[in-house]
Amino acid sequence: MKCLLTGGAGFIGSHLTEELLAHNHDVCIIDNLSTGSIDNIQHLKGERGFQYVIDSVFNRPLMAELVDQADVIFHLAAAVGVRLIVESPVRTIDTNVRGSEVVLDLASKKKKLVVMFSTSEAYGKSNNERFAETDDLILGSTTKARWSYAASKIIDEFLALAYWKEHGVPVIVIRLFNTVGPRQTGQYGMVVPRFVNQALDGKPITVFGDGKQSRTFCHVRDTVTAIVSLACRVEAVGEIFNVGGTEEISIEGLAHRVIDLLDSPSTIRYVPYEEAYEQGFEDMRRRVPDIRKIQTLTGYQPRRTLNDVIYDVAEHRRQRCPAGPALMAGSLGQ
């Protein structure tokens, strides 16, 4: 296939590019580097079948050319991270909704396959034990900026499925649950790299809220394997799929796990949500995916554990900062 990745220089995009190239697909990425990084794709320069463009999906003439050359578009370009969402809600809504409109409209001209990426945030404040694709979506008040991201992604889903039903554009919607791994930055609030960096530096690990909220984390290598398997299945068209891990852990438990695995002297410091983000910030108490749908279709099963994730994130940090704190040198044994 000839694959176009919007946001391809981001954390997930760069790993997905590697996976597609490994399967002998041609890959072109477009990224404006607002949250992505050229460092994520530096090692891919010169690879057979790889090219990249530093520009925005809002450059419609350029996007029209790139979409026309592609067989499938993986639309990853989006605002990411809770901190960015809370601080820049206009940017969040505009980037997510308008970018998706451009991609879907251009894809509709020649019925190109679009893999649309959504989020577990779409489930909002649901109290279900596990979130299934057909569950009701329960968001908080519009006065809470943190729900603008979920709302924008829900609009993306509605829009994608509308293009499928009304215009026959083949679309696949993927709801990602806490994808983590090497190259992910803690700059925008991502919890695992933030905890790992704090632990390796011997600084207090900052847990927001009471730490009892729980999550499942999925190694990015497992995530991209699932994405490629779905993109190759015609039965996936017009459907929504959860992609995530199976090991549930509280954020407090995650902090202890990071400290133990990295043999860090760090302590845990609890930070109220209003101090970390904004007054009245609302969080999801549990976020656990039901992945039976993708398992039935593709046989998907996460292979890497949370411990693998932590070690890999720490090793990536060590490689990027070889002259960093002495703590790092002796903390990565498995």
Protein backbone atom coordinates (compact mmCIF):
# COMPACT_ATOMS: atom_id res chain seq x y z
CA MET A 1 0.00 0.00 0.00
CA LYS A 2 0.92 3.64 -0.38
CA CYS A 3 0.23 5.12 3.05
CA LEU A 4 -0.19 8.75 4.07
CA LEU A 5 0.21 9.53 7.78
CA THR A 6 -0.92 12.90 9.08
CA GLY A 7 0.93 13.69 12.30
CA GLY A 8 3.49 11.07 11.31
CA ALA A 9 6.38 12.65 13.21
CA GLY A 10 4.54 12.21 16.50
CA PHE A 11 5.02 9.47 19.04
CA ILE A 12 2.51 6.97 17.64
CA GLY A 13 2.95 8.13 14.04
CA SER A 14 6.68 7.43 14.00
CA HIS A 15 6.18 3.91 15.38
CA LEU A 16 3.36 3.25 12.92
CA THR A 17 5.65 4.41 10.11
CA GLU A 18 8.25 1.85 11.20
CA GLU A 19 5.64 -0.91 11.30
CA LEU A 20 4.32 -0.07 7.82
CA LEU A 21 7.82 0.12 6.32
CA ALA A 22 8.63 -3.25 7.90
CA HIS A 23 5.67 -4.68 5.95
CA ASN A 24 7.09 -3.17 2.72
CA HIS A 25 4.47 -0.44 2.40
CA ASP A 26 5.42 2.99 1.07
CA VAL A 27 4.93 5.74 3.65
CA CYS A 28 4.62 9.50 3.29
CA ILE A 29 4.11 11.54 6.43
CA ILE A 30 3.01 15.13 6.87
CA ASP A 31 3.55 16.92 10.17
CA ASN A 32 3.83 20.58 11.19
CA LEU A 33 5.98 19.58 14.21
CA SER A 34 3.71 21.44 16.65
CA THR A 35 3.79 18.45 19.00
CA GLY A 36 5.73 15.96 16.87
CA SER A 37 9.50 16.02 16.45
CA ILE A 38 11.90 15.53 13.57
CA ASP A 39 13.99 13.46 16.00
CA ASN A 40 11.27 10.79 15.93
CA ILE A 41 11.82 10.13 12.23
CA GLN A 42 15.49 11.08 11.83
CA HIS A 43 16.52 7.42 11.68
CA LEU A 44 14.06 6.75 8.85
CA LYS A 45 15.55 9.24 6.41
CA GLY A 46 16.90 7.37 3.42
CA GLU A 47 14.75 4.31 4.06
CA ARG A 48 13.30 2.82 0.89
CA GLY A 49 9.67 3.89 0.41
CA PHE A 50 9.81 6.69 3.03
CA GLN A 51 9.28 10.39 2.51
CA TYR A 52 8.15 13.26 4.71
CA VAL A 53 6.70 16.74 4.33
CA ILE A 54 6.89 19.43 7.00
CA ASP A 55 3.58 21.21 6.59
CA SER A 56 0.02 21.37 7.92
CA VAL A 57 -3.05 19.33 7.02
CA PHE A 58 -4.71 22.73 6.57
CA ASN A 59 -2.61 23.23 3.42
CA ARG A 60 -5.42 21.93 1.27
CA PRO A 61 -3.71 21.99 -2.19
CA LEU A 62 -0.77 20.01 -0.78
CA MET A 63 -3.07 17.59 1.06
CA ALA A 64 -5.10 17.05 -2.12
CA GLU A 65 -1.93 15.93 -3.90
CA LEU A 66 -0.80 13.67 -1.06
CA VAL A 67 -4.23 12.07 -0.61
CA ASP A 68 -4.49 11.47 -4.36
CA GLN A 69 -1.18 9.54 -4.27
CA ALA A 70 -2.20 7.38 -1.29
CA ASP A 71 -4.15 4.16 -0.97
CA VAL A 72 -4.87 4.68 2.73
CA ILE A 73 -4.72 7.71 5.03
CA PHE A 74 -3.91 7.24 8.71
CA HIS A 75 -5.21 10.46 10.27
CA LEU A 76 -3.21 10.96 13.46
CA ALA A 77 -2.77 14.74 13.38
CA ALA A 78 -4.50 16.11 16.49
CA ALA A 79 -4.06 18.08 19.67
CA VAL A 80 -2.67 15.72 22.31
CA GLY A 81 -2.24 15.67 26.07
CA VAL A 82 -4.48 16.83 28.90
CA ARG A 83 -2.31 19.84 29.69
CA LEU A 84 -2.46 21.15 26.11
CA ILE A 85 -6.20 20.52 25.98
CA VAL A 86 -6.89 22.47 29.18
CA GLU A 87 -4.60 25.35 28.26
CA SER A 88 -5.55 25.62 24.56
CA PRO A 89 -9.16 24.48 24.01
CA VAL A 90 -9.60 26.58 20.84
CA ARG A 91 -6.53 24.98 19.27
CA THR A 92 -7.78 21.55 20.37
CA ILE A 93 -11.21 21.88 18.78
CA ASP A 94 -9.97 23.58 15.62
CA THR A 95 -7.12 21.13 14.99
CA ASN A 96 -9.19 18.04 15.61
CA VAL A 97 -12.40 18.92 13.80
CA ARG A 98 -11.18 21.06 10.91
CA GLY A 99 -8.25 18.73 10.19
CA SER A 100 -10.58 15.74 9.99
CA GLU A 101 -12.93 17.65 7.68
CA VAL A 102 -10.07 18.29 5.25
CA VAL A 103 -8.91 14.67 5.24
CA LEU A 104 -12.37 13.15 4.83
CA ASP A 105 -13.48 15.60 2.14
CA LEU A 106 -10.36 14.97 0.06
CA ALA A 107 -10.56 11.20 0.58
CA SER A 108 -14.16 11.23 -0.61
CA LYS A 109 -13.13 12.34 -4.11
CA LYS A 110 -11.70 8.91 -4.92
CA LYS A 111 -13.02 6.84 -2.01
CA LYS A 112 -9.65 6.43 -0.28
CA LEU A 113 -9.55 4.39 2.94
CA VAL A 114 -9.27 6.61 6.04
CA VAL A 115 -8.20 5.22 9.42
CA MET A 116 -9.51 7.78 11.90
CA PHE A 117 -7.97 7.89 15.37
CA SER A 118 -10.18 8.62 18.33
CA THR A 119 -9.69 8.23 22.06
CA SER A 120 -10.85 6.48 25.20
CA GLU A 121 -11.67 9.99 26.44
CA ALA A 122 -14.82 9.68 24.32
CA TYR A 123 -16.36 7.42 26.99
CA GLY A 124 -16.23 10.34 29.41
CA LYS A 125 -17.55 9.75 32.92
CA SER A 126 -19.10 6.35 32.27
CA ASN A 127 -19.07 4.00 35.28
CA ASN A 128 -19.03 0.81 33.22
CA GLU A 129 -16.53 -1.81 34.33
CA ARG A 130 -15.11 -2.00 30.82
CA PHE A 131 -15.82 0.30 27.90
CA ALA A 132 -17.31 -1.30 24.79
CA GLU A 133 -17.65 0.38 21.41
CA THR A 134 -21.46 0.50 21.58
CA ASP A 135 -21.64 2.03 25.08
CA ASP A 136 -23.28 5.41 25.69
CA LEU A 137 -20.83 8.32 25.91
CA ILE A 138 -21.20 10.50 29.01
CA LEU A 139 -19.34 13.80 29.06
CA GLY A 140 -19.14 16.54 31.65
CA SER A 141 -20.37 20.11 31.36
CA THR A 142 -19.24 22.37 28.52
CA THR A 143 -17.88 24.69 31.21
CA LYS A 144 -15.14 22.11 31.83
CA ALA A 145 -12.48 22.64 29.13
CA ARG A 146 -11.04 19.15 29.57
CA TRP A 147 -14.09 17.63 27.82
CA SER A 148 -13.50 19.69 24.67
CA TYR A 149 -11.02 17.09 23.46
CA ALA A 150 -13.46 14.22 23.92
CA ALA A 151 -16.24 16.21 22.26
CA SER A 152 -14.05 17.09 19.27
CA LYS A 153 -13.06 13.46 18.82
CA ILE A 154 -16.69 12.34 19.04
CA ILE A 155 -17.49 14.81 16.27
CA ASP A 156 -14.63 13.29 14.25
CA GLU A 157 -16.19 9.85 14.72
CA PHE A 158 -19.65 11.04 13.68
CA LEU A 159 -18.15 12.80 10.68
CA ALA A 160 -16.13 9.77 9.57
CA LEU A 161 -19.11 7.42 9.84
CA ALA A 162 -21.31 9.96 8.04
CA TYR A 163 -18.86 10.05 5.12
CA TRP A 164 -19.00 6.24 5.04
CA LYS A 165 -22.80 6.07 5.11
CA GLU A 166 -23.56 9.04 2.88
CA HIS A 167 -20.62 9.12 0.45
CA GLY A 168 -19.24 5.58 0.59
CA VAL A 169 -15.83 6.63 1.93
CA PRO A 170 -14.29 3.56 3.59
CA VAL A 171 -13.41 4.52 7.17
CA ILE A 172 -12.18 2.69 10.25
CA VAL A 173 -12.40 4.40 13.66
CA ILE A 174 -9.90 3.39 16.35
CA ARG A 175 -10.27 4.44 19.98
CA LEU A 176 -6.84 4.33 21.60
CA PHE A 177 -6.44 3.62 25.32
CA ASN A 178 -3.29 5.11 26.89
CA THR A 179 -0.68 4.15 24.33
CA VAL A 180 2.80 4.49 25.84
CA GLY A 181 6.41 3.74 25.00
CA PRO A 182 9.70 5.18 23.74
CA ARG A 183 9.58 8.68 22.18
CA GLN A 184 6.52 9.71 24.17
CA THR A 185 7.07 12.98 25.97
CA GLY A 186 5.70 13.98 29.35
CA GLN A 187 5.57 17.59 28.20
CA TYR A 188 1.80 17.58 27.66
CA GLY A 189 0.80 15.55 30.70
CA MET A 190 1.48 11.94 29.62
CA VAL A 191 1.84 10.10 32.89
CA VAL A 192 4.30 7.26 32.20
CA PRO A 193 7.17 9.31 30.70
CA ARG A 194 6.59 11.97 33.36
CA PHE A 195 6.87 9.43 36.16
CA VAL A 196 9.90 7.75 34.59
CA ASN A 197 11.73 11.05 34.12
CA GLN A 198 11.04 12.08 37.70
CA ALA A 199 12.19 8.70 39.02
CA LEU A 200 15.40 8.71 36.99
CA ASP A 201 16.17 12.22 38.21
CA GLY A 202 15.45 11.24 41.81
CA LYS A 203 12.73 13.89 42.05
CA PRO A 204 9.34 13.45 43.74
CA ILE A 205 6.82 11.69 41.52
CA THR A 206 3.79 13.93 41.22
CA VAL A 207 0.49 12.05 41.37
CA PHE A 208 -2.51 14.19 40.49
CA GLY A 209 -5.61 13.79 42.64
CA ASP A 210 -5.77 10.93 45.15
CA GLY A 211 -4.05 8.45 42.82
CA LYS A 212 -6.90 5.95 43.07
CA GLN A 213 -7.99 6.53 39.47
CA SER A 214 -7.05 3.49 37.35
CA ARG A 215 -5.90 2.99 33.78
CA THR A 216 -4.64 0.32 31.41
CA PHE A 217 -1.52 1.04 29.37
CA CYS A 218 -0.64 -0.42 26.00
CA HIS A 219 2.88 -0.58 24.57
CA VAL A 220 3.06 1.38 21.31
CA ARG A 221 4.48 -1.65 19.48
CA ASP A 222 1.32 -3.61 20.33
CA THR A 223 -0.82 -0.64 19.34
CA VAL A 224 0.69 -0.23 15.87
CA THR A 225 0.47 -3.96 15.23
CA ALA A 226 -3.26 -3.75 15.96
CA ILE A 227 -3.66 -0.68 13.72
CA VAL A 228 -2.03 -2.34 10.71
CA SER A 229 -4.04 -5.53 11.18
CA LEU A 230 -7.29 -3.52 11.16
CA ALA A 231 -6.30 -1.48 8.11
CA CYS A 232 -5.84 -4.70 6.16
CA ARG A 233 -9.30 -6.11 6.99
CA VAL A 234 -12.21 -5.11 4.78
CA GLU A 235 -14.56 -6.25 7.56
CA ALA A 236 -13.27 -3.37 9.71
CA VAL A 237 -14.65 -0.69 7.38
CA GLY A 238 -17.49 1.33 8.88
CA GLU A 239 -16.71 0.07 12.39
CA ILE A 240 -15.26 1.40 15.66
CA PHE A 241 -12.59 -0.56 17.55
CA ASN A 242 -11.01 -0.19 20.98
CA VAL A 243 -7.24 -0.76 21.02
CA GLY A 244 -5.59 -1.00 24.41
CA GLY A 245 -4.03 -3.14 27.09
CA THR A 246 -5.43 -5.53 29.67
CA GLU A 247 -3.46 -4.77 32.86
CA GLU A 248 -5.36 -2.31 35.06
CA ILE A 249 -3.41 -0.30 37.62
CA SER A 250 -4.09 2.78 39.75
CA ILE A 251 -1.99 5.87 39.09
CA GLU A 252 -0.70 5.59 42.65
CA GLY A 253 0.21 1.97 41.95
CA LEU A 254 1.96 3.03 38.76
CA ALA A 255 4.10 5.50 40.70
CA HIS A 256 5.16 2.76 43.13
CA ARG A 257 5.84 0.38 40.21
CA VAL A 258 8.11 2.92 38.50
CA ILE A 259 10.02 3.60 41.73
CA ASP A 260 10.51 -0.11 42.38
CA LEU A 261 11.51 -1.13 38.85
CA LEU A 262 13.98 1.73 38.43
CA ASP A 263 15.32 1.41 41.98
CA SER A 264 14.70 5.12 42.46
CA PRO A 265 14.94 7.09 45.73
CA SER A 266 11.96 9.22 44.63
CA THR A 267 9.04 9.79 46.95
CA ILE A 268 5.44 10.38 45.90
CA ARG A 269 3.88 13.83 46.12
CA TYR A 270 0.13 14.20 45.69
CA VAL A 271 -0.94 17.28 43.76
CA PRO A 272 -4.59 18.49 43.73
CA TYR A 273 -6.15 18.63 40.26
CA GLU A 274 -6.82 22.34 40.57
CA GLU A 275 -3.10 22.91 41.10
CA ALA A 276 -2.07 20.61 38.24
CA TYR A 277 -4.64 21.78 35.70
CA GLU A 278 -7.52 24.11 36.59
CA GLN A 279 -10.21 24.73 39.18
CA GLY A 280 -13.00 22.15 38.94
CA PHE A 281 -11.01 19.73 36.74
CA GLU A 282 -12.82 16.40 36.32
CA ASP A 283 -11.10 13.07 35.73
CA MET A 284 -12.21 9.56 34.79
CA ARG A 285 -11.99 7.16 37.73
CA ARG A 286 -11.50 4.07 35.57
CA ARG A 287 -10.52 3.64 31.94
CA VAL A 288 -10.45 -0.02 30.97
CA PRO A 289 -11.19 -1.18 27.40
CA ASP A 290 -13.29 -4.08 26.27
CA ILE A 291 -11.12 -5.40 23.39
CA ARG A 292 -13.22 -8.43 22.44
CA LYS A 293 -14.30 -6.85 19.14
CA ILE A 294 -10.78 -6.46 17.73
CA GLN A 295 -9.75 -9.81 19.21
CA THR A 296 -12.60 -11.54 17.38
CA LEU A 297 -11.72 -9.94 14.05
CA THR A 298 -7.91 -10.02 14.12
CA GLY A 299 -6.81 -12.18 17.06
CA TYR A 300 -5.15 -9.14 18.64
CA GLN A 301 -3.56 -9.73 22.03
CA PRO A 302 -1.13 -7.32 23.74
CA ARG A 303 2.24 -9.05 24.13
CA ARG A 304 4.16 -6.54 26.21
CA THR A 305 3.59 -5.89 29.91
CA LEU A 306 3.49 -2.65 31.85
CA ASN A 307 6.95 -3.52 33.17
CA ASP A 308 8.18 -3.73 29.56
CA VAL A 309 6.72 -0.28 28.93
CA ILE A 310 8.48 1.26 31.92
CA TYR A 311 11.84 -0.32 31.08
CA ASP A 312 11.59 0.75 27.42
CA VAL A 313 10.66 4.34 28.30
CA ALA A 314 13.54 4.49 30.78
CA GLU A 315 16.01 3.03 28.27
CA HIS A 316 14.95 5.58 25.67
CA ARG A 317 15.54 8.36 28.18
CA ARG A 318 18.98 6.92 28.98
CA GLN A 319 19.94 6.86 25.29
CA ARG A 320 18.79 10.44 24.81
CA CYS A 321 20.58 11.70 27.94
CA PRO A 322 23.72 9.52 28.27
CA ALA A 323 25.38 12.09 30.51
CA GLY A 324 22.35 12.39 32.81
CA PRO A 325 22.10 11.56 36.50
CA ALA A 326 24.19 8.65 37.78
CA LEU A 327 20.97 7.03 39.00
CA MET A 328 20.08 6.18 35.43
CA ALA A 329 23.09 3.96 34.78
CA GLY A 330 22.19 1.30 37.31
CA SER A 331 18.43 1.37 37.22
CA LEU A 332 17.50 -0.52 34.07
CA GLY A 333 18.22 -4.13 34.93
CA GLN A 334 15.35 -6.55 34.29
